[in-house]
Amino acid sequence: MQKTATTGRKNSAKRPEDRAPAEVARRLVVELNNKSVEDLTWLVSEEGTTKTTIVNRALQVYKRIMELQAREGGVVLEDPERGTRERLLFV
């Protein structure tokens, strides 16, 4: 048995009612334009991960930006090479 990081006690098997419900994967078919296919392929290669992971991350970032915009917040992108800053805004 392994010790838990928070209590140091031995971690016995959890009762079914103590377990979080398993996440159910959903399959989605999308049509991407050529630029999006190129970008997705580049991201998969650059990150060394899967298309699914990239799409899941993109959705999480998109949701966060929309939440910030709803509260008059936003995201500022800084380009150190150019010395410029720009606000990212989804409309």
N, C-alpha and C. Protein backbone atom coordinates (compact mmCIF):
# COMPACT_ATOMS: atom_id res chain seq x y z
N MET A 1 0.84 -1.19 0.00
CA MET A 1 0.00 0.00 0.00
C MET A 1 0.88 1.25 0.00
N GLN A 2 0.43 2.29 -0.68
CA GLN A 2 1.18 3.53 -0.74
C GLN A 2 0.69 4.48 0.33
N LYS A 3 1.59 5.36 0.77
CA LYS A 3 1.19 6.39 1.70
C LYS A 3 0.66 7.58 0.92
N THR A 4 -0.35 8.25 1.47
CA THR A 4 -0.88 9.43 0.79
C THR A 4 0.03 10.61 1.09
N ALA A 5 0.08 11.56 0.16
CA ALA A 5 0.95 12.72 0.31
C ALA A 5 0.47 13.64 1.42
N THR A 6 -0.83 13.73 1.65
CA THR A 6 -1.34 14.70 2.60
C THR A 6 -1.36 14.19 4.03
N THR A 7 -1.63 12.93 4.24
CA THR A 7 -1.77 12.44 5.61
C THR A 7 -0.63 11.55 6.05
N GLY A 8 0.09 10.93 5.10
CA GLY A 8 1.14 10.00 5.46
C GLY A 8 0.61 8.64 5.87
N ARG A 9 -0.73 8.49 5.93
CA ARG A 9 -1.32 7.22 6.28
C ARG A 9 -1.32 6.30 5.08
N LYS A 10 -1.41 5.03 5.33
CA LYS A 10 -1.49 4.08 4.23
C LYS A 10 -2.82 4.24 3.53
N ASN A 11 -2.75 4.18 2.19
CA ASN A 11 -3.92 4.41 1.36
C ASN A 11 -4.57 3.07 1.04
N SER A 12 -5.66 2.76 1.71
CA SER A 12 -6.37 1.52 1.42
C SER A 12 -7.34 1.76 0.27
N ALA A 13 -7.90 0.72 -0.26
CA ALA A 13 -8.85 0.85 -1.38
C ALA A 13 -10.03 1.70 -0.95
N LYS A 14 -10.44 2.60 -1.82
CA LYS A 14 -11.57 3.47 -1.52
C LYS A 14 -12.87 2.74 -1.73
N ARG A 15 -13.85 3.09 -0.93
CA ARG A 15 -15.19 2.54 -1.12
C ARG A 15 -15.78 3.15 -2.37
N PRO A 16 -16.65 2.43 -3.08
CA PRO A 16 -17.24 2.96 -4.32
C PRO A 16 -17.89 4.33 -4.14
N GLU A 17 -18.55 4.57 -3.02
CA GLU A 17 -19.22 5.85 -2.81
C GLU A 17 -18.24 7.00 -2.59
N ASP A 18 -16.95 6.69 -2.29
CA ASP A 18 -15.94 7.72 -2.08
C ASP A 18 -15.23 8.11 -3.37
N ARG A 19 -15.38 7.32 -4.41
CA ARG A 19 -14.69 7.58 -5.67
C ARG A 19 -15.43 8.62 -6.49
N ALA A 20 -14.66 9.45 -7.18
CA ALA A 20 -15.27 10.40 -8.12
C ALA A 20 -15.82 9.63 -9.31
N PRO A 21 -16.93 10.08 -9.86
CA PRO A 21 -17.47 9.37 -11.03
C PRO A 21 -16.47 9.43 -12.18
N ALA A 22 -16.36 8.33 -12.90
CA ALA A 22 -15.44 8.27 -14.03
C ALA A 22 -15.92 9.21 -15.12
N GLU A 23 -14.95 9.87 -15.74
CA GLU A 23 -15.28 10.77 -16.84
C GLU A 23 -15.60 9.95 -18.08
N VAL A 24 -16.69 10.29 -18.73
CA VAL A 24 -17.08 9.57 -19.93
C VAL A 24 -16.54 10.33 -21.14
N ALA A 25 -15.73 9.66 -21.93
CA ALA A 25 -15.18 10.29 -23.13
C ALA A 25 -16.29 10.44 -24.17
N ARG A 26 -16.25 11.55 -24.86
CA ARG A 26 -17.20 11.81 -25.93
C ARG A 26 -16.42 11.95 -27.24
N ARG A 27 -16.93 11.37 -28.28
CA ARG A 27 -16.29 11.46 -29.60
C ARG A 27 -16.94 12.60 -30.35
N LEU A 28 -16.13 13.38 -31.04
CA LEU A 28 -16.61 14.53 -31.79
C LEU A 28 -15.92 14.55 -33.15
N VAL A 29 -16.69 14.72 -34.18
CA VAL A 29 -16.13 14.82 -35.53
C VAL A 29 -16.20 16.29 -35.93
N VAL A 30 -15.07 16.84 -36.36
CA VAL A 30 -15.03 18.24 -36.78
C VAL A 30 -14.41 18.36 -38.17
N GLU A 31 -14.81 19.39 -38.86
CA GLU A 31 -14.20 19.70 -40.16
C GLU A 31 -13.31 20.91 -39.96
N LEU A 32 -12.03 20.75 -40.26
CA LEU A 32 -11.07 21.82 -40.10
C LEU A 32 -10.65 22.34 -41.46
N ASN A 33 -10.42 23.66 -41.54
CA ASN A 33 -9.89 24.20 -42.78
C ASN A 33 -8.39 23.89 -42.85
N ASN A 34 -7.77 24.15 -43.97
CA ASN A 34 -6.36 23.79 -44.17
C ASN A 34 -5.44 24.42 -43.13
N LYS A 35 -5.67 25.68 -42.81
CA LYS A 35 -4.82 26.38 -41.83
C LYS A 35 -4.94 25.73 -40.46
N SER A 36 -6.14 25.37 -40.06
CA SER A 36 -6.34 24.74 -38.76
C SER A 36 -5.68 23.36 -38.71
N VAL A 37 -5.73 22.63 -39.82
CA VAL A 37 -5.06 21.33 -39.89
C VAL A 37 -3.56 21.51 -39.73
N GLU A 38 -2.99 22.50 -40.42
CA GLU A 38 -1.56 22.78 -40.30
C GLU A 38 -1.20 23.17 -38.87
N ASP A 39 -2.01 24.03 -38.27
CA ASP A 39 -1.75 24.48 -36.90
C ASP A 39 -1.84 23.31 -35.91
N LEU A 40 -2.85 22.48 -36.07
CA LEU A 40 -3.01 21.33 -35.18
C LEU A 40 -1.84 20.37 -35.33
N THR A 41 -1.43 20.12 -36.55
CA THR A 41 -0.29 19.23 -36.81
C THR A 41 0.97 19.80 -36.17
N TRP A 42 1.19 21.09 -36.32
CA TRP A 42 2.36 21.74 -35.73
C TRP A 42 2.33 21.64 -34.20
N LEU A 43 1.17 21.91 -33.60
CA LEU A 43 1.05 21.85 -32.14
C LEU A 43 1.30 20.44 -31.61
N VAL A 44 0.76 19.44 -32.29
CA VAL A 44 0.97 18.05 -31.87
C VAL A 44 2.46 17.72 -31.89
N SER A 45 3.14 18.13 -32.96
CA SER A 45 4.57 17.88 -33.09
C SER A 45 5.37 18.67 -32.05
N GLU A 46 5.05 19.93 -31.90
CA GLU A 46 5.78 20.82 -30.98
C GLU A 46 5.63 20.37 -29.53
N GLU A 47 4.42 19.98 -29.15
CA GLU A 47 4.13 19.59 -27.77
C GLU A 47 4.40 18.11 -27.50
N GLY A 48 4.50 17.32 -28.56
CA GLY A 48 4.71 15.88 -28.36
C GLY A 48 3.52 15.23 -27.69
N THR A 49 2.33 15.65 -28.08
CA THR A 49 1.11 15.13 -27.46
C THR A 49 0.11 14.74 -28.55
N THR A 50 -1.13 14.57 -28.18
CA THR A 50 -2.15 14.12 -29.13
C THR A 50 -3.05 15.26 -29.59
N LYS A 51 -3.76 15.01 -30.67
CA LYS A 51 -4.74 15.98 -31.16
C LYS A 51 -5.81 16.22 -30.10
N THR A 52 -6.21 15.15 -29.45
CA THR A 52 -7.25 15.27 -28.41
C THR A 52 -6.80 16.19 -27.29
N THR A 53 -5.56 16.04 -26.86
CA THR A 53 -5.04 16.89 -25.79
C THR A 53 -5.01 18.35 -26.23
N ILE A 54 -4.56 18.60 -27.46
CA ILE A 54 -4.50 19.97 -27.96
C ILE A 54 -5.90 20.58 -28.02
N VAL A 55 -6.87 19.85 -28.53
CA VAL A 55 -8.24 20.37 -28.62
C VAL A 55 -8.81 20.61 -27.23
N ASN A 56 -8.59 19.69 -26.29
CA ASN A 56 -9.09 19.89 -24.93
C ASN A 56 -8.47 21.14 -24.29
N ARG A 57 -7.16 21.33 -24.47
CA ARG A 57 -6.50 22.52 -23.92
C ARG A 57 -7.06 23.79 -24.56
N ALA A 58 -7.25 23.76 -25.87
CA ALA A 58 -7.77 24.93 -26.58
C ALA A 58 -9.14 25.32 -26.05
N LEU A 59 -9.99 24.34 -25.82
CA LEU A 59 -11.33 24.63 -25.29
C LEU A 59 -11.26 25.22 -23.88
N GLN A 60 -10.36 24.72 -23.06
CA GLN A 60 -10.21 25.26 -21.71
C GLN A 60 -9.72 26.70 -21.73
N VAL A 61 -8.77 26.99 -22.61
CA VAL A 61 -8.25 28.36 -22.73
C VAL A 61 -9.34 29.29 -23.27
N TYR A 62 -10.05 28.84 -24.30
CA TYR A 62 -11.13 29.64 -24.89
C TYR A 62 -12.19 29.97 -23.84
N LYS A 63 -12.59 28.98 -23.06
CA LYS A 63 -13.59 29.21 -22.01
C LYS A 63 -13.09 30.23 -20.99
N ARG A 64 -11.84 30.10 -20.60
CA ARG A 64 -11.27 31.02 -19.60
C ARG A 64 -11.25 32.45 -20.12
N ILE A 65 -10.87 32.61 -21.38
CA ILE A 65 -10.85 33.95 -21.98
C ILE A 65 -12.25 34.54 -22.03
N MET A 66 -13.23 33.74 -22.41
CA MET A 66 -14.61 34.22 -22.47
C MET A 66 -15.13 34.61 -21.08
N GLU A 67 -14.74 33.84 -20.05
CA GLU A 67 -15.13 34.19 -18.68
C GLU A 67 -14.52 35.53 -18.27
N LEU A 68 -13.26 35.73 -18.62
CA LEU A 68 -12.60 37.00 -18.29
C LEU A 68 -13.26 38.17 -19.02
N GLN A 69 -13.54 37.98 -20.31
CA GLN A 69 -14.17 39.04 -21.09
C GLN A 69 -15.54 39.40 -20.53
N ALA A 70 -16.26 38.43 -20.04
CA ALA A 70 -17.59 38.68 -19.47
C ALA A 70 -17.50 39.59 -18.25
N ARG A 71 -16.34 39.60 -17.59
CA ARG A 71 -16.14 40.46 -16.41
C ARG A 71 -15.26 41.67 -16.74
N GLU A 72 -15.21 42.02 -18.03
CA GLU A 72 -14.42 43.16 -18.50
C GLU A 72 -12.91 42.93 -18.35
N GLY A 73 -12.50 41.69 -18.20
CA GLY A 73 -11.09 41.35 -18.13
C GLY A 73 -10.60 40.91 -19.48
N GLY A 74 -9.42 40.36 -19.51
CA GLY A 74 -8.89 39.90 -20.78
C GLY A 74 -7.51 39.30 -20.64
N VAL A 75 -6.90 39.06 -21.79
CA VAL A 75 -5.57 38.48 -21.86
C VAL A 75 -4.70 39.42 -22.67
N VAL A 76 -3.51 39.70 -22.17
CA VAL A 76 -2.57 40.56 -22.88
C VAL A 76 -1.40 39.69 -23.33
N LEU A 77 -1.10 39.77 -24.63
CA LEU A 77 0.02 39.03 -25.20
C LEU A 77 1.20 39.98 -25.34
N GLU A 78 2.35 39.54 -24.88
CA GLU A 78 3.54 40.37 -24.93
C GLU A 78 4.57 39.72 -25.85
N ASP A 79 5.07 40.50 -26.80
CA ASP A 79 6.09 40.01 -27.73
C ASP A 79 7.41 40.70 -27.36
N PRO A 80 8.31 39.99 -26.67
CA PRO A 80 9.55 40.62 -26.23
C PRO A 80 10.48 41.01 -27.37
N GLU A 81 10.41 40.29 -28.49
CA GLU A 81 11.27 40.63 -29.63
C GLU A 81 10.88 41.97 -30.23
N ARG A 82 9.59 42.22 -30.34
CA ARG A 82 9.10 43.48 -30.91
C ARG A 82 8.92 44.56 -29.86
N GLY A 83 8.84 44.14 -28.60
CA GLY A 83 8.56 45.10 -27.53
C GLY A 83 7.13 45.59 -27.57
N THR A 84 6.21 44.74 -28.02
CA THR A 84 4.81 45.15 -28.13
C THR A 84 3.92 44.31 -27.22
N ARG A 85 2.77 44.89 -26.91
CA ARG A 85 1.73 44.19 -26.15
C ARG A 85 0.42 44.39 -26.88
N GLU A 86 -0.38 43.33 -26.89
CA GLU A 86 -1.71 43.45 -27.50
C GLU A 86 -2.71 42.64 -26.69
N ARG A 87 -3.92 43.16 -26.64
CA ARG A 87 -4.99 42.47 -25.92
C ARG A 87 -5.64 41.46 -26.84
N LEU A 88 -5.77 40.23 -26.36
CA LEU A 88 -6.45 39.19 -27.10
C LEU A 88 -7.94 39.30 -26.83
N LEU A 89 -8.73 39.45 -27.87
CA LEU A 89 -10.16 39.65 -27.71
C LEU A 89 -10.90 38.77 -28.69
N PHE A 90 -11.79 37.92 -28.19
CA PHE A 90 -12.64 37.10 -29.04
C PHE A 90 -13.99 37.80 -29.19
N VAL A 91 -14.44 37.92 -30.42
CA VAL A 91 -15.74 38.57 -30.67
C VAL A 91 -16.68 37.58 -31.33
